[in-house]
PDB file of all heavy atoms in Angstrom:
ATOM      1  N   VAL A   1     112.247 114.531 105.911  1.00  0.00           N
ATOM      2  CA  VAL A   1     113.615 114.436 105.384  1.00  0.00           C
ATOM      3  C   VAL A   1     113.690 113.393 104.271  1.00  0.00           C
ATOM      4  O   VAL A   1     114.258 113.635 103.198  1.00  0.00           O
ATOM      5  CB  VAL A   1     114.610 114.099 106.511  1.00  0.00           C
ATOM      6  CG1 VAL A   1     115.998 113.813 105.939  1.00  0.00           C
ATOM      7  CG2 VAL A   1     114.683 115.241 107.519  1.00  0.00           C
ATOM      8  N   LEU A   2     113.090 112.230 104.511  1.00  0.00           N
ATOM      9  CA  LEU A   2     113.138 111.155 103.516  1.00  0.00           C
ATOM     10  C   LEU A   2     112.403 111.536 102.234  1.00  0.00           C
ATOM     11  O   LEU A   2     112.843 111.186 101.131  1.00  0.00           O
ATOM     12  CB  LEU A   2     112.540 109.876 104.109  1.00  0.00           C
ATOM     13  CG  LEU A   2     113.376 109.193 105.191  1.00  0.00           C
ATOM     14  CD1 LEU A   2     112.592 108.057 105.826  1.00  0.00           C
ATOM     15  CD2 LEU A   2     114.691 108.681 104.624  1.00  0.00           C
ATOM     16  N   GLY A   3     111.292 112.247 102.368  1.00  0.00           N
ATOM     17  CA  GLY A   3     110.558 112.682 101.188  1.00  0.00           C
ATOM     18  C   GLY A   3     111.394 113.582 100.294  1.00  0.00           C
ATOM     19  O   GLY A   3     111.388 113.453  99.059  1.00  0.00           O
ATOM     20  N   GLN A   4     112.132 114.488 100.915  1.00  0.00           N
ATOM     21  CA  GLN A   4     112.999 115.378 100.142  1.00  0.00           C
ATOM     22  C   GLN A   4     114.146 114.611  99.485  1.00  0.00           C
ATOM     23  O   GLN A   4     114.586 114.951  98.380  1.00  0.00           O
ATOM     24  CB  GLN A   4     113.555 116.475 101.049  1.00  0.00           C
ATOM     25  CG  GLN A   4     112.487 117.433 101.562  1.00  0.00           C
ATOM     26  CD  GLN A   4     113.063 118.407 102.567  1.00  0.00           C
ATOM     27  OE1 GLN A   4     113.615 119.443 102.196  1.00  0.00           O
ATOM     28  NE2 GLN A   4     112.942 118.080 103.851  1.00  0.00           N
ATOM     29  N   ARG A   5     114.602 113.582 100.152  1.00  0.00           N
ATOM     30  CA  ARG A   5     115.676 112.781  99.567  1.00  0.00           C
ATOM     31  C   ARG A   5     115.191 112.041  98.316  1.00  0.00           C
ATOM     32  O   ARG A   5     115.928 111.945  97.324  1.00  0.00           O
ATOM     33  CB  ARG A   5     116.197 111.792 100.607  1.00  0.00           C
ATOM     34  CG  ARG A   5     117.350 110.940 100.093  1.00  0.00           C
ATOM     35  CD  ARG A   5     117.941 110.090 101.188  1.00  0.00           C
ATOM     36  NE  ARG A   5     118.932 109.177 100.662  1.00  0.00           N
ATOM     37  CZ  ARG A   5     119.569 108.255 101.379  1.00  0.00           C
ATOM     38  NH1 ARG A   5     119.327 108.162 102.688  1.00  0.00           N
ATOM     39  NH2 ARG A   5     120.450 107.450 100.836  1.00  0.00           N
ATOM     40  N   ILE A   6     113.969 111.547  98.349  1.00  0.00           N
ATOM     41  CA  ILE A   6     113.415 110.877  97.174  1.00  0.00           C
ATOM     42  C   ILE A   6     113.356 111.840  95.991  1.00  0.00           C
ATOM     43  O   ILE A   6     113.734 111.498  94.865  1.00  0.00           O
ATOM     44  CB  ILE A   6     112.014 110.304  97.488  1.00  0.00           C
ATOM     45  CG1 ILE A   6     112.140 109.094  98.413  1.00  0.00           C
ATOM     46  CG2 ILE A   6     111.294 109.908  96.201  1.00  0.00           C
ATOM     47  CD1 ILE A   6     110.814 108.535  98.866  1.00  0.00           C
ATOM     48  N   VAL A   7     112.877 113.055  96.250  1.00  0.00           N
ATOM     49  CA  VAL A   7     112.798 114.058  95.186  1.00  0.00           C
ATOM     50  C   VAL A   7     114.190 114.339  94.614  1.00  0.00           C
ATOM     51  O   VAL A   7     114.375 114.457  93.398  1.00  0.00           O
ATOM     52  CB  VAL A   7     112.156 115.360  95.705  1.00  0.00           C
ATOM     53  CG1 VAL A   7     112.251 116.474  94.662  1.00  0.00           C
ATOM     54  CG2 VAL A   7     110.706 115.120  96.083  1.00  0.00           C
ATOM     55  N   PHE A   8     115.175 114.437  95.491  1.00  0.00           N
ATOM     56  CA  PHE A   8     116.552 114.685  95.051  1.00  0.00           C
ATOM     57  C   PHE A   8     117.034 113.588  94.109  1.00  0.00           C
ATOM     58  O   PHE A   8     117.606 113.866  93.045  1.00  0.00           O
ATOM     59  CB  PHE A   8     117.476 114.773  96.268  1.00  0.00           C
ATOM     60  CG  PHE A   8     118.938 114.775  95.933  1.00  0.00           C
ATOM     61  CD1 PHE A   8     119.548 115.917  95.423  1.00  0.00           C
ATOM     62  CD2 PHE A   8     119.715 113.638  96.123  1.00  0.00           C
ATOM     63  CE1 PHE A   8     120.906 115.924  95.103  1.00  0.00           C
ATOM     64  CE2 PHE A   8     121.066 113.632  95.811  1.00  0.00           C
ATOM     65  CZ  PHE A   8     121.657 114.780  95.305  1.00  0.00           C
ATOM     66  N   HIS A   9     116.797 112.319  94.480  1.00  0.00           N
ATOM     67  CA  HIS A   9     117.236 111.214  93.631  1.00  0.00           C
ATOM     68  C   HIS A   9     116.460 111.175  92.312  1.00  0.00           C
ATOM     69  O   HIS A   9     117.032 110.852  91.260  1.00  0.00           O
ATOM     70  CB  HIS A   9     117.080 109.888  94.371  1.00  0.00           C
ATOM     71  CG  HIS A   9     118.073 109.688  95.473  1.00  0.00           C
ATOM     72  ND1 HIS A   9     119.415 109.949  95.319  1.00  0.00           N
ATOM     73  CD2 HIS A   9     117.925 109.232  96.755  1.00  0.00           C
ATOM     74  CE1 HIS A   9     120.058 109.674  96.445  1.00  0.00           C
ATOM     75  NE2 HIS A   9     119.172 109.243  97.327  1.00  0.00           N
ATOM     76  N   MET A  10     115.171 111.492  92.359  1.00  0.00           N
ATOM     77  CA  MET A  10     114.383 111.534  91.133  1.00  0.00           C
ATOM     78  C   MET A  10     114.938 112.586  90.169  1.00  0.00           C
ATOM     79  O   MET A  10     115.093 112.331  88.969  1.00  0.00           O
ATOM     80  CB  MET A  10     112.924 111.859  91.464  1.00  0.00           C
ATOM     81  CG  MET A  10     112.175 110.731  92.152  1.00  0.00           C
ATOM     82  SD  MET A  10     111.883 109.309  91.071  1.00  0.00           S
ATOM     83  CE  MET A  10     110.699 110.015  89.939  1.00  0.00           C
ATOM     84  N   GLU A  11     115.244 113.755  90.712  1.00  0.00           N
ATOM     85  CA  GLU A  11     115.792 114.822  89.878  1.00  0.00           C
ATOM     86  C   GLU A  11     117.155 114.447  89.314  1.00  0.00           C
ATOM     87  O   GLU A  11     117.486 114.775  88.168  1.00  0.00           O
ATOM     88  CB  GLU A  11     115.888 116.121  90.688  1.00  0.00           C
ATOM     89  CG  GLU A  11     114.545 116.762  90.978  1.00  0.00           C
ATOM     90  CD  GLU A  11     113.824 117.176  89.706  1.00  0.00           C
ATOM     91  OE1 GLU A  11     114.442 117.838  88.853  1.00  0.00           O
ATOM     92  OE2 GLU A  11     112.642 116.797  89.555  1.00  0.00           O
ATOM     93  N   ARG A  12     117.936 113.759  90.121  1.00  0.00           N
ATOM     94  CA  ARG A  12     119.279 113.367  89.659  1.00  0.00           C
ATOM     95  C   ARG A  12     119.203 112.393  88.486  1.00  0.00           C
ATOM     96  O   ARG A  12     119.967 112.518  87.518  1.00  0.00           O
ATOM     97  CB  ARG A  12     120.065 112.748  90.807  1.00  0.00           C
ATOM     98  CG  ARG A  12     121.519 112.432  90.444  1.00  0.00           C
ATOM     99  CD  ARG A  12     122.359 112.230  91.670  1.00  0.00           C
ATOM    100  NE  ARG A  12     123.740 111.927  91.350  1.00  0.00           N
ATOM    101  CZ  ARG A  12     124.653 112.831  91.000  1.00  0.00           C
ATOM    102  NH1 ARG A  12     124.317 114.101  90.928  1.00  0.00           N
ATOM    103  NH2 ARG A  12     125.896 112.466  90.737  1.00  0.00           N
ATOM    104  N   THR A  13     118.288 111.437  88.557  1.00  0.00           N
ATOM    105  CA  THR A  13     118.166 110.485  87.455  1.00  0.00           C
ATOM    106  C   THR A  13     117.575 111.148  86.215  1.00  0.00           C
ATOM    107  O   THR A  13     117.868 110.737  85.084  1.00  0.00           O
ATOM    108  CB  THR A  13     117.298 109.277  87.854  1.00  0.00           C
ATOM    109  OG1 THR A  13     116.012 109.729  88.312  1.00  0.00           O
ATOM    110  CG2 THR A  13     117.969 108.467  88.951  1.00  0.00           C
ATOM    111  N   ARG A  14     116.753 112.181  86.416  1.00  0.00           N
ATOM    112  CA  ARG A  14     116.196 112.897  85.269  1.00  0.00           C
ATOM    113  C   ARG A  14     117.277 113.715  84.564  1.00  0.00           C
ATOM    114  O   ARG A  14     117.356 113.749  83.336  1.00  0.00           O
ATOM    115  CB  ARG A  14     115.059 113.805  85.719  1.00  0.00           C
ATOM    116  CG  ARG A  14     114.350 114.525  84.575  1.00  0.00           C
ATOM    117  CD  ARG A  14     113.233 115.414  85.086  1.00  0.00           C
ATOM    118  NE  ARG A  14     113.752 116.507  85.896  1.00  0.00           N
ATOM    119  CZ  ARG A  14     114.228 117.645  85.389  1.00  0.00           C
ATOM    120  NH1 ARG A  14     114.280 117.827  84.077  1.00  0.00           N
ATOM    121  NH2 ARG A  14     114.666 118.602  86.194  1.00  0.00           N
ATOM    122  N   GLU A  15     118.122 114.369  85.376  1.00  0.00           N
ATOM    123  CA  GLU A  15     119.179 115.205  84.810  1.00  0.00           C
ATOM    124  C   GLU A  15     120.346 114.382  84.262  1.00  0.00           C
ATOM    125  O   GLU A  15     121.009 114.795  83.309  1.00  0.00           O
ATOM    126  CB  GLU A  15     119.688 116.178  85.880  1.00  0.00           C
ATOM    127  CG  GLU A  15     118.635 117.198  86.320  1.00  0.00           C
ATOM    128  CD  GLU A  15     119.045 117.941  87.570  1.00  0.00           C
ATOM    129  OE1 GLU A  15     120.177 117.702  88.063  1.00  0.00           O
ATOM    130  OE2 GLU A  15     118.247 118.756  88.064  1.00  0.00           O
ATOM    131  N   ARG A  16     120.590 113.243  84.908  1.00  0.00           N
ATOM    132  CA  ARG A  16     121.703 112.378  84.508  1.00  0.00           C
ATOM    133  C   ARG A  16     121.180 110.958  84.300  1.00  0.00           C
ATOM    134  O   ARG A  16     121.207 110.137  85.222  1.00  0.00           O
ATOM    135  CB  ARG A  16     122.782 112.381  85.592  1.00  0.00           C
ATOM    136  CG  ARG A  16     123.545 113.667  85.774  1.00  0.00           C
ATOM    137  CD  ARG A  16     124.728 113.751  84.815  1.00  0.00           C
ATOM    138  NE  ARG A  16     125.578 112.569  84.894  1.00  0.00           N
ATOM    139  CZ  ARG A  16     126.556 112.389  85.798  1.00  0.00           C
ATOM    140  NH1 ARG A  16     126.801 113.328  86.699  1.00  0.00           N
ATOM    141  NH2 ARG A  16     127.294 111.290  85.782  1.00  0.00           N
ATOM    142  N   PRO A  17     120.669 110.636  83.120  1.00  0.00           N
ATOM    143  CA  PRO A  17     120.098 109.303  82.893  1.00  0.00           C
ATOM    144  C   PRO A  17     121.058 108.166  83.206  1.00  0.00           C
ATOM    145  O   PRO A  17     120.611 107.070  83.567  1.00  0.00           O
ATOM    146  CB  PRO A  17     119.731 109.339  81.400  1.00  0.00           C
ATOM    147  CG  PRO A  17     119.471 110.781  81.112  1.00  0.00           C
ATOM    148  CD  PRO A  17     120.476 111.523  81.956  1.00  0.00           C
ATOM    149  N   ASP A  18     122.364 108.399  83.088  1.00  0.00           N
ATOM    150  CA  ASP A  18     123.319 107.333  83.393  1.00  0.00           C
ATOM    151  C   ASP A  18     123.291 106.940  84.863  1.00  0.00           C
ATOM    152  O   ASP A  18     123.727 105.846  85.238  1.00  0.00           O
ATOM    153  CB  ASP A  18     124.734 107.744  82.981  1.00  0.00           C
ATOM    154  CG  ASP A  18     125.242 108.948  83.760  1.00  0.00           C
ATOM    155  OD1 ASP A  18     124.512 109.957  83.837  1.00  0.00           O
ATOM    156  OD2 ASP A  18     126.369 108.883  84.286  1.00  0.00           O
ATOM    157  N   GLN A  19     122.749 107.842  85.707  1.00  0.00           N
ATOM    158  CA  GLN A  19     122.674 107.550  87.139  1.00  0.00           C
ATOM    159  C   GLN A  19     121.528 106.607  87.498  1.00  0.00           C
ATOM    160  O   GLN A  19     121.394 106.185  88.646  1.00  0.00           O
ATOM    161  CB  GLN A  19     122.524 108.856  87.922  1.00  0.00           C
ATOM    162  CG  GLN A  19     123.703 109.795  87.795  1.00  0.00           C
ATOM    163  CD  GLN A  19     124.985 109.182  88.307  1.00  0.00           C
ATOM    164  OE1 GLN A  19     125.175 109.012  89.508  1.00  0.00           O
ATOM    165  NE2 GLN A  19     125.895 108.843  87.396  1.00  0.00           N
ATOM    166  N   GLU A  20     120.701 106.271  86.510  1.00  0.00           N
ATOM    167  CA  GLU A  20     119.634 105.299  86.753  1.00  0.00           C
ATOM    168  C   GLU A  20     120.199 103.942  87.179  1.00  0.00           C
ATOM    169  O   GLU A  20     119.493 103.125  87.766  1.00  0.00           O
ATOM    170  CB  GLU A  20     118.763 105.153  85.509  1.00  0.00           C
ATOM    171  CG  GLU A  20     117.896 106.375  85.237  1.00  0.00           C
ATOM    172  CD  GLU A  20     117.007 106.195  84.022  1.00  0.00           C
ATOM    173  OE1 GLU A  20     116.924 105.060  83.502  1.00  0.00           O
ATOM    174  OE2 GLU A  20     116.398 107.195  83.588  1.00  0.00           O
ATOM    175  N   ALA A  21     121.469 103.712  86.893  1.00  0.00           N
ATOM    176  CA  ALA A  21     122.113 102.464  87.316  1.00  0.00           C
ATOM    177  C   ALA A  21     122.093 102.313  88.827  1.00  0.00           C
ATOM    178  O   ALA A  21     122.161 101.196  89.351  1.00  0.00           O
ATOM    179  CB  ALA A  21     123.551 102.425  86.803  1.00  0.00           C
ATOM    180  N   PHE A  22     121.992 103.448  89.549  1.00  0.00           N
ATOM    181  CA  PHE A  22     122.017 103.420  91.009  1.00  0.00           C
ATOM    182  C   PHE A  22     120.638 103.650  91.627  1.00  0.00           C
ATOM    183  O   PHE A  22     120.497 103.621  92.846  1.00  0.00           O
ATOM    184  CB  PHE A  22     122.978 104.494  91.531  1.00  0.00           C
ATOM    185  CG  PHE A  22     124.349 104.419  90.933  1.00  0.00           C
ATOM    186  CD1 PHE A  22     124.750 105.336  89.961  1.00  0.00           C
ATOM    187  CD2 PHE A  22     125.236 103.424  91.297  1.00  0.00           C
ATOM    188  CE1 PHE A  22     126.012 105.264  89.393  1.00  0.00           C
ATOM    189  CE2 PHE A  22     126.504 103.347  90.739  1.00  0.00           C
ATOM    190  CZ  PHE A  22     126.889 104.267  89.778  1.00  0.00           C
ATOM    191  N   ALA A  23     119.615 103.879  90.790  1.00  0.00           N
ATOM    192  CA  ALA A  23     118.296 104.272  91.298  1.00  0.00           C
ATOM    193  C   ALA A  23     117.689 103.225  92.216  1.00  0.00           C
ATOM    194  O   ALA A  23     117.124 103.557  93.271  1.00  0.00           O
ATOM    195  CB  ALA A  23     117.350 104.573  90.132  1.00  0.00           C
ATOM    196  N   ARG A  24     117.773 101.969  91.852  1.00  0.00           N
ATOM    197  CA  ARG A  24     117.150 100.927  92.676  1.00  0.00           C
ATOM    198  C   ARG A  24     117.785 100.876  94.059  1.00  0.00           C
ATOM    199  O   ARG A  24     117.090 100.713  95.066  1.00  0.00           O
ATOM    200  CB  ARG A  24     117.253  99.562  91.983  1.00  0.00           C
ATOM    201  CG  ARG A  24     116.429  98.496  92.684  1.00  0.00           C
ATOM    202  CD  ARG A  24     116.300  97.250  91.837  1.00  0.00           C
ATOM    203  NE  ARG A  24     117.576  96.569  91.674  1.00  0.00           N
ATOM    204  CZ  ARG A  24     117.715  95.402  91.042  1.00  0.00           C
ATOM    205  NH1 ARG A  24     116.670  94.826  90.486  1.00  0.00           N
ATOM    206  NH2 ARG A  24     118.901  94.832  90.941  1.00  0.00           N
ATOM    207  N   SER A  25     119.089 101.041  94.113  1.00  0.00           N
ATOM    208  CA  SER A  25     119.779 101.052  95.406  1.00  0.00           C
ATOM    209  C   SER A  25     119.380 102.279  96.223  1.00  0.00           C
ATOM    210  O   SER A  25     119.093 102.175  97.418  1.00  0.00           O
ATOM    211  CB  SER A  25     121.294 101.036  95.185  1.00  0.00           C
ATOM    212  OG  SER A  25     121.985 101.223  96.407  1.00  0.00           O
ATOM    213  N   TRP A  26     119.351 103.457  95.581  1.00  0.00           N
ATOM    214  CA  TRP A  26     118.989 104.683  96.285  1.00  0.00           C
ATOM    215  C   TRP A  26     117.587 104.590  96.886  1.00  0.00           C
ATOM    216  O   TRP A  26     117.381 104.859  98.064  1.00  0.00           O
ATOM    217  CB  TRP A  26     119.032 105.866  95.326  1.00  0.00           C
ATOM    218  CG  TRP A  26     120.395 106.263  94.871  1.00  0.00           C
ATOM    219  CD1 TRP A  26     121.586 105.955  95.467  1.00  0.00           C
ATOM    220  CD2 TRP A  26     120.713 107.043  93.718  1.00  0.00           C
ATOM    221  NE1 TRP A  26     122.621 106.508  94.753  1.00  0.00           N
ATOM    222  CE2 TRP A  26     122.122 107.180  93.683  1.00  0.00           C
ATOM    223  CE3 TRP A  26     119.957 107.639  92.716  1.00  0.00           C
ATOM    224  CZ2 TRP A  26     122.777 107.892  92.683  1.00  0.00           C
ATOM    225  CZ3 TRP A  26     120.604 108.354  91.716  1.00  0.00           C
ATOM    226  CH2 TRP A  26     122.002 108.471  91.702  1.00  0.00           C
ATOM    227  N   PHE A  27     116.626 104.210  96.052  1.00  0.00           N
ATOM    228  CA  PHE A  27     115.245 104.157  96.525  1.00  0.00           C
ATOM    229  C   PHE A  27     115.044 103.012  97.519  1.00  0.00           C
ATOM    230  O   PHE A  27     114.222 103.113  98.425  1.00  0.00           O
ATOM    231  CB  PHE A  27     114.283 104.015  95.341  1.00  0.00           C
ATOM    232  CG  PHE A  27     114.295 105.197  94.416  1.00  0.00           C
ATOM    233  CD1 PHE A  27     114.270 105.024  93.044  1.00  0.00           C
ATOM    234  CD2 PHE A  27     114.347 106.489  94.914  1.00  0.00           C
ATOM    235  CE1 PHE A  27     114.291 106.122  92.182  1.00  0.00           C
ATOM    236  CE2 PHE A  27     114.373 107.589  94.062  1.00  0.00           C
ATOM    237  CZ  PHE A  27     114.348 107.401  92.697  1.00  0.00           C
ATOM    238  N   GLY A  28     115.804 101.947  97.345  1.00  0.00           N
ATOM    239  CA  GLY A  28     115.684 100.820  98.259  1.00  0.00           C
ATOM    240  C   GLY A  28     116.104 101.166  99.670  1.00  0.00           C
ATOM    241  O   GLY A  28     115.452 100.771 100.638  1.00  0.00           O
ATOM    242  N   ARG A  29     117.182 101.923  99.812  1.00  0.00           N
ATOM    243  CA  ARG A  29     117.629 102.276 101.160  1.00  0.00           C
ATOM    244  C   ARG A  29     116.675 103.268 101.815  1.00  0.00           C
ATOM    245  O   ARG A  29     116.449 103.212 103.030  1.00  0.00           O
ATOM    246  CB  ARG A  29     119.078 102.766 101.152  1.00  0.00           C
ATOM    247  CG  ARG A  29     119.350 104.022 100.399  1.00  0.00           C
ATOM    248  CD  ARG A  29     120.823 104.125 100.013  1.00  0.00           C
ATOM    249  NE  ARG A  29     121.716 104.392 101.133  1.00  0.00           N
ATOM    250  CZ  ARG A  29     123.056 104.406 101.036  1.00  0.00           C
ATOM    251  NH1 ARG A  29     123.631 104.154  99.865  1.00  0.00           N
ATOM    252  NH2 ARG A  29     123.808 104.664 102.089  1.00  0.00           N
ATOM    253  N   VAL A  30     116.063 104.169 101.012  1.00  0.00           N
ATOM    254  CA  VAL A  30     115.068 105.088 101.566  1.00  0.00           C
ATOM    255  C   VAL A  30     113.818 104.317 101.980  1.00  0.00           C
ATOM    256  O   VAL A  30     113.240 104.569 103.044  1.00  0.00           O
ATOM    257  CB  VAL A  30     114.712 106.195 100.542  1.00  0.00           C
ATOM    258  CG1 VAL A  30     113.569 107.055 101.076  1.00  0.00           C
ATOM    259  CG2 VAL A  30     115.929 107.064 100.250  1.00  0.00           C
ATOM    260  N   ALA A  31     113.399 103.368 101.163  1.00  0.00           N
ATOM    261  CA  ALA A  31     112.219 102.573 101.483  1.00  0.00           C
ATOM    262  C   ALA A  31     112.400 101.800 102.779  1.00  0.00           C
ATOM    263  O   ALA A  31     111.476 101.694 103.594  1.00  0.00           O
ATOM    264  CB  ALA A  31     111.918 101.608 100.333  1.00  0.00           C
ATOM    265  N   ARG A  32     113.609 101.271 102.992  1.00  0.00           N
ATOM    266  CA  ARG A  32     113.863 100.529 104.232  1.00  0.00           C
ATOM    267  C   ARG A  32     113.761 101.456 105.440  1.00  0.00           C
ATOM    268  O   ARG A  32     113.198 101.090 106.476  1.00  0.00           O
ATOM    269  CB  ARG A  32     115.247  99.883 104.186  1.00  0.00           C
ATOM    270  CG  ARG A  32     115.593  99.128 105.465  1.00  0.00           C
ATOM    271  CD  ARG A  32     116.830  98.285 105.310  1.00  0.00           C
ATOM    272  NE  ARG A  32     116.631  97.195 104.384  1.00  0.00           N
ATOM    273  CZ  ARG A  32     117.455  96.156 104.253  1.00  0.00           C
ATOM    274  NH1 ARG A  32     118.524  96.078 105.023  1.00  0.00           N
ATOM    275  NH2 ARG A  32     117.219  95.201 103.387  1.00  0.00           N
ATOM    276  N   GLN A  33     114.267 102.664 105.315  1.00  0.00           N
ATOM    277  CA  GLN A  33     114.184 103.615 106.433  1.00  0.00           C
ATOM    278  C   GLN A  33     112.741 104.052 106.674  1.00  0.00           C
ATOM    279  O   GLN A  33     112.339 104.251 107.817  1.00  0.00           O
ATOM    280  CB  GLN A  33     115.082 104.817 106.150  1.00  0.00           C
ATOM    281  CG  GLN A  33     116.564 104.467 106.222  1.00  0.00           C
ATOM    282  CD  GLN A  33     117.456 105.655 105.961  1.00  0.00           C
ATOM    283  OE1 GLN A  33     117.210 106.459 105.074  1.00  0.00           O
ATOM    284  NE2 GLN A  33     118.507 105.781 106.745  1.00  0.00           N
ATOM    285  N   MET A  34     111.971 104.222 105.606  1.00  0.00           N
ATOM    286  CA  MET A  34     110.571 104.584 105.773  1.00  0.00           C
ATOM    287  C   MET A  34     109.823 103.475 106.523  1.00  0.00           C
ATOM    288  O   MET A  34     108.959 103.743 107.351  1.00  0.00           O
ATOM    289  CB  MET A  34     109.923 104.822 104.410  1.00  0.00           C
ATOM    290  CG  MET A  34     110.239 106.179 103.818  1.00  0.00           C
ATOM    291  SD  MET A  34     109.320 106.491 102.301  1.00  0.00           S
ATOM    292  CE  MET A  34     109.528 108.279 102.166  1.00  0.00           C
ATOM    293  N   GLY A  35     110.188 102.232 106.221  1.00  0.00           N
ATOM    294  CA  GLY A  35     109.563 101.099 106.902  1.00  0.00           C
ATOM    295  C   GLY A  35     109.815 101.085 108.396  1.00  0.00           C
ATOM    296  O   GLY A  35     108.991 100.598 109.184  1.00  0.00           O
ATOM    297  N   GLU A  36     110.933 101.646 108.819  1.00  0.00           N
ATOM    298  CA  GLU A  36     111.273 101.679 110.233  1.00  0.00           C
ATOM    299  C   GLU A  36     110.507 102.755 110.993  1.00  0.00           C
ATOM    300  O   GLU A  36     110.527 102.788 112.222  1.00  0.00           O
ATOM    301  CB  GLU A  36     112.775 101.899 110.400  1.00  0.00           C
ATOM    302  CG  GLU A  36     113.612 100.729 109.899  1.00  0.00           C
ATOM    303  CD  GLU A  36     115.101 100.965 110.006  1.00  0.00           C
ATOM    304  OE1 GLU A  36     115.502 102.088 110.391  1.00  0.00           O
ATOM    305  OE2 GLU A  36     115.865 100.033 109.686  1.00  0.00           O
ATOM    306  N   LEU A  37     109.810 103.649 110.265  1.00  0.00           N
ATOM    307  CA  LEU A  37     109.047 104.700 110.921  1.00  0.00           C
ATOM    308  C   LEU A  37     107.682 104.213 111.378  1.00  0.00           C
ATOM    309  O   LEU A  37     107.063 104.827 112.239  1.00  0.00           O
ATOM    310  CB  LEU A  37     108.837 105.887 109.959  1.00  0.00           C
ATOM    311  CG  LEU A  37     110.107 106.587 109.460  1.00  0.00           C
ATOM    312  CD1 LEU A  37     109.731 107.758 108.557  1.00  0.00           C
ATOM    313  CD2 LEU A  37     110.955 107.081 110.618  1.00  0.00           C
TER     314      LEU A  37
END
């Protein structure tokens, strides 16, 4: 599930460069959840 979420966020920043403002937060919360696995 988390892997697919990363791909989704990557695609979103590619399609909407202005959304890169949120990329660090998006990937950070996924990384924290991956760490809990």
